[in-house]
Amino acid sequence: MSHNTPLSPRPLHHLSDVQRRVLTTRQLREHGVTASVAAERCRAGGPWQQILPGVHLLHPGPATSEERLLAALLYTASRGQGADGSAPGGGEPGGEAMITGLAALALRHFSSAPPLASLDHIDVLVPRTRRLRATGFVRFVRAGTLPAPQYLAGVPTAPVARALADAVARLTDAVLVRRLLTESVRHGHCEAAAVVAELNSARMLSRPHVVDAVDALLAEGRAIAEGRLYDMVRGHHLPEPLWNVELRLPGGPALGGVDAYWREQAVAVEIDARAPRQDEELWRGGFGRKREHLERLGITVVRMTPKKLRESPEEQAAVVRTALIAAADREPAPYVVVLPR
C-alpha cells in the first residue's frame, strides 16, 4: 500500500471534511489501514502525523482548530473505561465528553476569550469515573454529574455557565475573569445567577479576584434586568409606573425599595437578582419578609427574575396586567409615601 492508496474498504462519504482528516487507529483499521502502515505514514516527512496517542491527522502541517477539537474528543472516547469496566457511552466522537473552559467560550465567539488557535490546551469535561490522563494539548475536567451538552457546529460543548466556571478555575488574571463573566451576561449567553451557582458549586467564591468579578457580574445582571423591565412595560403598553422607588409609611419606618410601583393600584414589581449563594433562610429574612409586610398592607408584589424577564417577557407583562386589573376588586391599600431610591 503506497502513500496514495485510498482508504478501504469503507468509503468516507458519510464523514464530514474534518472527520475525514482526523481518524483514530481503530477507524483507520476499519478502513483497511493497518497500524504498521499508519505508523509508516506518520514518520517524519510523511503525509500523515499522529496528533495525539491513537489519533492521526491525515495531512502534514499544523492542525486547524476544528481538527484539534475533534482530535481531543476522539482521544477521549478511545481511551479508558468507567470504573465499573464499561466502555464510554454515547455514539458521538467524545462519547459522554464535551468541550469546556476557554475553548468552549471561544466556540461561542466570546470576544474576551483567546481564539481557539492560540489555546495551548483544550479542556474536556468527562465523568469522574473515566480513567483518563492528560496528554498533549488535552486536559480533563471531571464531574460527578455532567450537564446536557449543547452542540456548536456539531461539537458537544458545555453550557456557558459551566464552561465559565471551568475556565475561571484555571485563571489568575483578575481582569480577564471579570471580562469573561460580565460578557456572558451582557451578550445574553446566560443569567448571572447561573454563573454564580456554578462558581459556588466549584467552591471558587472564596478567591478574592473571583469575588470582585462576581460583584461586577451581579451589578451588570441587575442593570440588564432593569432594562428588560422597562422594555416589557413599554413594549406591552402597560401604564407607566414610578421607577425605582422607596416605600414607607407616613411618619413610620421604611418598607423597602421596589423596581416599579403603580401607586393607584398599589402594585409593585421587584426584580429578584439575588445570588444563589444566599440560602433560602437568609432570603426569607430579607426579600421574603419585606414582601409579606407589603402584602399585609394590601400592596401586591410581583416578583420577577432576570431569567423570566429575558425568556418570557410577554408572560410577565400578563402577570402585571392581571394584578393591575384585580386591584379594582380589592380594598384600597393604606397610603404610603413614595420616594426616589
Protein backbone atom coordinates (compact mmCIF):
# COMPACT_ATOMS: atom_id res chain seq x y z
CA MET A 1 0.00 0.00 0.00
CA SER A 2 1.56 3.33 -1.06
CA HIS A 3 1.04 6.76 0.47
CA ASN A 4 -1.54 7.47 -2.23
CA THR A 5 -3.54 4.28 -1.77
CA PRO A 6 -7.12 5.26 -0.85
CA LEU A 7 -8.63 4.10 2.40
CA SER A 8 -10.75 0.99 2.10
CA PRO A 9 -12.95 -0.97 2.30
CA ARG A 10 -15.36 1.55 3.84
CA PRO A 11 -15.86 4.81 1.93
CA LEU A 12 -15.56 8.12 3.78
CA HIS A 13 -18.55 9.85 2.19
CA HIS A 14 -20.52 9.59 5.43
CA LEU A 15 -17.89 11.67 7.25
CA SER A 16 -17.53 15.45 7.28
CA ASP A 17 -14.41 17.07 5.84
CA VAL A 18 -12.91 17.40 9.30
CA GLN A 19 -13.79 13.81 10.22
CA ARG A 20 -12.04 12.59 7.06
CA ARG A 21 -8.85 14.32 8.15
CA VAL A 22 -8.81 13.13 11.79
CA LEU A 23 -9.20 9.40 12.48
CA THR A 24 -8.28 7.05 15.29
CA THR A 25 -6.17 3.93 14.85
CA ARG A 26 -9.34 1.86 15.13
CA GLN A 27 -11.14 3.89 12.48
CA LEU A 28 -8.17 3.56 10.13
CA ARG A 29 -8.16 -0.20 10.69
CA GLU A 30 -11.86 -0.30 9.79
CA HIS A 31 -10.91 1.40 6.52
CA GLY A 32 -8.21 -1.14 5.75
CA VAL A 33 -5.19 0.73 7.08
CA THR A 34 -3.11 -1.36 9.47
CA ALA A 35 -1.26 0.08 12.45
CA SER A 36 2.08 -0.50 10.75
CA VAL A 37 1.01 1.37 7.62
CA ALA A 38 -0.33 4.24 9.73
CA ALA A 39 2.97 4.39 11.64
CA GLU A 40 4.89 4.46 8.36
CA ARG A 41 2.81 7.34 7.05
CA CYS A 42 3.28 9.27 10.30
CA ARG A 43 7.09 9.20 10.15
CA ALA A 44 8.98 12.48 9.81
CA GLY A 45 8.34 13.90 6.37
CA GLY A 46 5.38 11.59 5.78
CA PRO A 47 1.92 12.63 4.61
CA TRP A 48 0.26 11.99 7.97
CA GLN A 49 1.03 12.75 11.61
CA GLN A 50 -0.02 11.42 15.00
CA ILE A 51 -1.64 14.38 16.69
CA LEU A 52 -2.49 12.51 19.90
CA PRO A 53 -1.89 8.93 21.04
CA GLY A 54 -4.02 6.76 18.77
CA VAL A 55 -5.35 9.76 16.80
CA HIS A 56 -3.99 10.59 13.33
CA LEU A 57 -4.09 13.75 11.25
CA LEU A 58 -4.26 12.76 7.60
CA HIS A 59 -2.23 15.66 6.25
CA PRO A 60 1.09 17.34 7.04
CA GLY A 61 1.31 20.76 8.63
CA PRO A 62 -0.45 22.31 11.64
CA ALA A 63 -3.89 21.11 12.68
CA THR A 64 -6.79 23.54 12.37
CA SER A 65 -8.83 24.49 15.42
CA GLU A 66 -11.65 22.20 14.28
CA GLU A 67 -9.22 19.30 13.87
CA ARG A 68 -7.80 19.82 17.36
CA LEU A 69 -11.28 19.82 18.87
CA LEU A 70 -12.24 16.63 17.07
CA ALA A 71 -8.92 15.02 17.96
CA ALA A 72 -9.46 15.84 21.64
CA LEU A 73 -12.91 14.23 21.60
CA LEU A 74 -11.72 11.17 19.65
CA TYR A 75 -8.81 10.67 22.03
CA THR A 76 -11.20 10.92 24.99
CA ALA A 77 -13.62 8.39 23.51
CA SER A 78 -10.88 5.94 22.58
CA ARG A 79 -9.08 5.85 25.94
CA GLY A 80 -10.04 4.18 29.18
CA GLN A 81 -13.23 2.81 30.61
CA GLY A 82 -15.50 3.59 33.51
CA ALA A 83 -14.62 2.42 36.99
CA ASP A 84 -17.09 -0.42 36.51
CA GLY A 85 -15.27 -1.59 33.40
CA SER A 86 -17.90 -0.34 30.99
CA ALA A 87 -16.95 1.39 27.79
CA PRO A 88 -17.60 5.11 27.41
CA GLY A 89 -21.18 5.70 26.35
CA GLY A 90 -22.74 7.60 23.51
CA GLY A 91 -22.33 7.49 19.76
CA GLU A 92 -20.76 10.93 19.40
CA PRO A 93 -17.00 11.42 18.81
CA GLY A 94 -16.38 12.10 22.52
CA GLY A 95 -18.92 9.69 24.00
CA GLU A 96 -20.15 11.46 27.13
CA ALA A 97 -17.40 14.08 26.88
CA MET A 98 -17.81 17.71 25.88
CA ILE A 99 -15.57 20.72 25.30
CA THR A 100 -15.45 23.15 28.23
CA GLY A 101 -13.38 26.05 29.58
CA LEU A 102 -11.87 28.70 27.32
CA ALA A 103 -12.23 26.51 24.22
CA ALA A 104 -16.00 26.32 24.74
CA LEU A 105 -16.18 30.09 25.21
CA ALA A 106 -14.11 30.66 22.07
CA LEU A 107 -16.54 28.41 20.17
CA ARG A 108 -19.30 30.78 21.29
CA HIS A 109 -17.30 33.74 19.98
CA PHE A 110 -16.61 35.36 23.34
CA SER A 111 -14.55 38.44 22.48
CA SER A 112 -12.80 38.20 25.88
CA ALA A 113 -11.69 34.60 25.31
CA PRO A 114 -8.48 33.89 23.39
CA PRO A 115 -9.09 32.48 19.89
CA LEU A 116 -9.14 28.70 19.60
CA ALA A 117 -5.98 28.61 17.52
CA SER A 118 -3.98 30.32 20.27
CA LEU A 119 -5.00 27.98 23.10
CA ASP A 120 -2.24 25.72 24.39
CA HIS A 121 -4.79 23.35 25.91
CA ILE A 122 -8.33 22.20 25.20
CA ASP A 123 -10.32 21.26 28.30
CA VAL A 124 -12.67 18.29 28.01
CA LEU A 125 -15.38 17.67 30.60
CA VAL A 126 -15.77 13.97 31.44
CA PRO A 127 -17.46 11.82 34.09
CA ARG A 128 -15.43 11.39 37.25
CA THR A 129 -15.42 7.62 36.70
CA ARG A 130 -13.43 7.85 33.45
CA ARG A 131 -9.79 6.73 33.75
CA LEU A 132 -8.05 9.30 31.61
CA ARG A 133 -4.69 11.01 31.65
CA ALA A 134 -3.99 14.42 30.16
CA THR A 135 -1.67 14.38 27.19
CA GLY A 136 -0.52 16.80 24.54
CA PHE A 137 -2.95 19.68 24.30
CA VAL A 138 -5.81 17.79 26.01
CA ARG A 139 -6.70 18.37 29.66
CA PHE A 140 -9.57 16.81 31.55
CA VAL A 141 -12.12 18.31 33.91
CA ARG A 142 -14.03 15.72 35.92
CA ALA A 143 -17.56 16.00 37.26
CA GLY A 144 -19.86 13.70 39.19
CA THR A 145 -22.82 14.73 37.05
CA LEU A 146 -22.39 16.10 33.55
CA PRO A 147 -24.71 18.78 32.17
CA ALA A 148 -26.52 18.17 28.90
CA PRO A 149 -24.16 19.23 26.10
CA GLN A 150 -25.02 21.95 23.66
CA TYR A 151 -23.86 21.39 20.08
CA LEU A 152 -22.00 24.13 18.25
CA ALA A 153 -21.09 23.25 14.66
CA GLY A 154 -21.51 19.62 15.65
CA VAL A 155 -19.16 19.88 18.65
CA PRO A 156 -20.60 18.87 22.06
CA THR A 157 -19.98 21.83 24.31
CA ALA A 158 -20.63 22.54 27.99
CA PRO A 159 -23.32 25.15 28.78
CA VAL A 160 -21.93 28.65 29.17
CA ALA A 161 -22.14 28.83 32.98
CA ARG A 162 -20.30 25.52 33.37
CA ALA A 163 -17.68 26.45 30.76
CA LEU A 164 -17.10 29.75 32.56
CA ALA A 165 -16.59 28.02 35.91
CA ASP A 166 -14.12 25.57 34.35
CA ALA A 167 -12.25 28.43 32.67
CA VAL A 168 -12.12 30.59 35.80
CA ALA A 169 -10.81 27.65 37.84
CA ARG A 170 -7.56 27.83 35.84
CA LEU A 171 -7.26 31.62 35.55
CA THR A 172 -5.44 34.03 37.85
CA ASP A 173 -5.83 37.12 35.66
CA ALA A 174 -8.45 39.16 37.55
CA VAL A 175 -9.12 41.43 34.56
CA LEU A 176 -9.76 38.51 32.21
CA VAL A 177 -12.02 36.77 34.75
CA ARG A 178 -14.10 39.92 35.14
CA ARG A 179 -14.38 40.43 31.38
CA LEU A 180 -15.47 36.85 30.77
CA LEU A 181 -18.13 36.93 33.48
CA THR A 182 -19.61 40.28 32.51
CA GLU A 183 -19.60 39.41 28.80
CA SER A 184 -21.60 36.26 29.49
CA VAL A 185 -24.47 38.35 30.85
CA ARG A 186 -24.07 41.46 28.73
CA HIS A 187 -24.33 39.50 25.48
CA GLY A 188 -27.18 37.30 26.68
CA HIS A 189 -25.30 34.00 26.87
CA CYS A 190 -26.72 33.20 30.33
CA GLU A 191 -28.01 34.73 33.55
CA ALA A 192 -25.77 35.97 36.35
CA ALA A 193 -27.44 33.63 38.85
CA ALA A 194 -26.49 30.57 36.78
CA VAL A 195 -22.84 31.65 36.65
CA VAL A 196 -22.67 32.32 40.38
CA ALA A 197 -24.31 28.95 41.08
CA GLU A 198 -21.61 27.15 39.06
CA LEU A 199 -18.82 29.14 40.72
CA ASN A 200 -20.31 28.39 44.12
CA SER A 201 -20.57 24.68 43.29
CA ALA A 202 -16.90 24.72 42.24
CA ARG A 203 -16.01 26.44 45.56
CA MET A 204 -14.40 29.41 43.88
CA LEU A 205 -16.26 32.19 45.67
CA SER A 206 -13.52 32.37 48.30
CA ARG A 207 -10.97 33.63 45.76
CA PRO A 208 -10.67 37.43 46.04
CA HIS A 209 -10.37 38.09 42.30
CA VAL A 210 -13.41 35.88 41.65
CA VAL A 211 -15.48 37.61 44.35
CA ASP A 212 -14.69 41.01 42.81
CA ALA A 213 -15.69 39.72 39.37
CA VAL A 214 -18.93 38.27 40.75
CA ASP A 215 -19.87 41.61 42.29
CA ALA A 216 -19.41 43.26 38.89
CA LEU A 217 -21.35 40.41 37.27
CA LEU A 218 -24.33 40.79 39.58
CA ALA A 219 -24.38 44.57 39.08
CA GLU A 220 -24.30 44.03 35.32
CA GLY A 221 -27.05 41.43 35.55
CA ARG A 222 -29.29 43.71 37.59
CA ALA A 223 -28.79 46.63 35.20
CA ILE A 224 -29.71 44.43 32.24
CA ALA A 225 -32.76 43.07 34.06
CA GLU A 226 -33.92 46.61 34.85
CA GLY A 227 -33.57 47.50 31.18
CA ARG A 228 -35.68 44.48 30.24
CA LEU A 229 -38.31 45.51 32.78
CA TYR A 230 -38.51 48.97 31.17
CA ASP A 231 -38.82 47.36 27.73
CA MET A 232 -41.51 44.96 28.97
CA VAL A 233 -43.67 47.73 30.41
CA ARG A 234 -43.40 49.96 27.37
CA GLY A 235 -43.40 47.20 24.77
CA HIS A 236 -46.63 45.69 26.14
CA HIS A 237 -48.32 49.06 26.68
CA LEU A 238 -48.68 48.83 30.45
CA PRO A 239 -49.38 52.03 32.38
CA GLU A 240 -46.19 53.90 33.25
CA PRO A 241 -45.19 53.17 36.85
CA LEU A 242 -42.96 55.07 39.25
CA TRP A 243 -39.50 53.61 38.69
CA ASN A 244 -37.01 52.52 41.32
CA VAL A 245 -38.66 53.99 44.42
CA GLU A 246 -38.60 53.58 48.19
CA LEU A 247 -41.88 52.96 50.04
CA ARG A 248 -42.55 53.98 53.62
CA LEU A 249 -45.49 54.56 55.92
CA PRO A 250 -46.23 58.22 56.71
CA GLY A 251 -44.16 59.07 59.75
CA GLY A 252 -43.23 55.41 60.06
CA PRO A 253 -40.46 53.05 59.08
CA ALA A 254 -39.24 52.35 55.55
CA LEU A 255 -40.99 49.46 53.82
CA GLY A 256 -38.21 48.86 51.31
CA GLY A 257 -37.41 49.65 47.73
CA VAL A 258 -39.13 48.31 44.63
CA ASP A 259 -38.18 48.50 40.96
CA ALA A 260 -41.59 49.66 39.71
CA TYR A 261 -44.69 50.87 41.55
CA TRP A 262 -48.19 51.67 40.33
CA ARG A 263 -49.47 53.98 43.06
CA GLU A 264 -53.18 53.95 42.22
CA GLN A 265 -53.39 50.17 42.00
CA ALA A 266 -50.85 49.53 44.80
CA VAL A 267 -48.92 47.06 42.65
CA ALA A 268 -45.14 46.73 42.93
CA VAL A 269 -42.59 44.81 40.86
CA GLU A 270 -39.32 43.69 42.36
CA ILE A 271 -36.51 42.02 40.46
CA ASP A 272 -35.07 39.10 42.38
CA ALA A 273 -31.43 39.17 41.30
CA ARG A 274 -30.04 37.65 44.49
CA ALA A 275 -27.01 35.42 44.22
CA PRO A 276 -27.64 31.68 44.60
CA ARG A 277 -25.10 31.56 47.43
CA GLN A 278 -27.74 33.26 49.60
CA ASP A 279 -29.67 30.44 51.20
CA GLU A 280 -33.44 30.39 51.44
CA GLU A 281 -33.50 31.25 55.14
CA LEU A 282 -31.39 34.35 54.57
CA TRP A 283 -33.57 35.35 51.63
CA ARG A 284 -36.78 34.99 53.61
CA GLY A 285 -35.27 37.20 56.27
CA GLY A 286 -34.86 39.97 53.69
CA PHE A 287 -36.81 39.94 50.45
CA GLY A 288 -39.40 37.45 51.69
CA ARG A 289 -40.17 39.34 54.90
CA LYS A 290 -40.44 42.65 53.03
CA ARG A 291 -42.84 41.12 50.51
CA GLU A 292 -45.03 39.66 53.25
CA HIS A 293 -45.12 43.04 55.02
CA LEU A 294 -46.15 44.88 51.86
CA GLU A 295 -48.84 42.36 51.04
CA ARG A 296 -50.29 42.64 54.54
CA LEU A 297 -50.69 46.34 53.80
CA GLY A 298 -52.65 45.49 50.64
CA ILE A 299 -49.79 46.08 48.18
CA THR A 300 -49.47 43.37 45.54
CA VAL A 301 -45.82 42.43 44.96
CA VAL A 302 -44.88 40.76 41.68
CA ARG A 303 -41.51 39.05 41.86
CA MET A 304 -39.56 38.64 38.62
CA THR A 305 -36.22 37.02 37.98
CA PRO A 306 -33.79 38.20 35.28
CA LYS A 307 -34.30 34.85 33.54
CA LYS A 308 -38.08 35.31 33.35
CA LEU A 309 -37.66 38.84 32.02
CA ARG A 310 -35.34 37.53 29.31
CA GLU A 311 -37.20 34.37 28.32
CA SER A 312 -40.87 35.24 28.82
CA PRO A 313 -41.48 39.00 28.92
CA GLU A 314 -44.98 38.56 27.47
CA GLU A 315 -45.98 36.24 30.31
CA GLN A 316 -44.53 38.63 32.89
CA ALA A 317 -46.44 41.53 31.34
CA ALA A 318 -49.64 39.47 31.57
CA VAL A 319 -49.00 38.85 35.28
CA VAL A 320 -48.59 42.57 35.92
CA ARG A 321 -51.64 43.47 33.84
CA THR A 322 -53.73 40.92 35.78
CA ALA A 323 -52.53 42.40 39.09
CA LEU A 324 -53.43 45.91 37.93
CA ILE A 325 -56.92 44.83 36.85
CA ALA A 326 -57.50 42.88 40.06
CA ALA A 327 -56.70 45.98 42.12
CA ALA A 328 -60.18 47.34 41.35
CA ASP A 329 -61.72 44.48 43.37
CA ARG A 330 -59.53 44.96 46.45
CA GLU A 331 -59.84 47.26 49.41
CA PRO A 332 -57.69 50.37 48.88
CA ALA A 333 -54.21 49.97 50.36
CA PRO A 334 -53.10 52.31 53.14
CA TYR A 335 -51.43 55.48 51.96
CA VAL A 336 -47.70 55.08 51.57
CA VAL A 337 -45.04 57.69 50.90
CA VAL A 338 -43.12 57.10 47.67
CA LEU A 339 -39.56 58.43 47.50
CA PRO A 340 -36.90 58.14 44.80
CA ARG A 341 -34.38 55.41 45.58
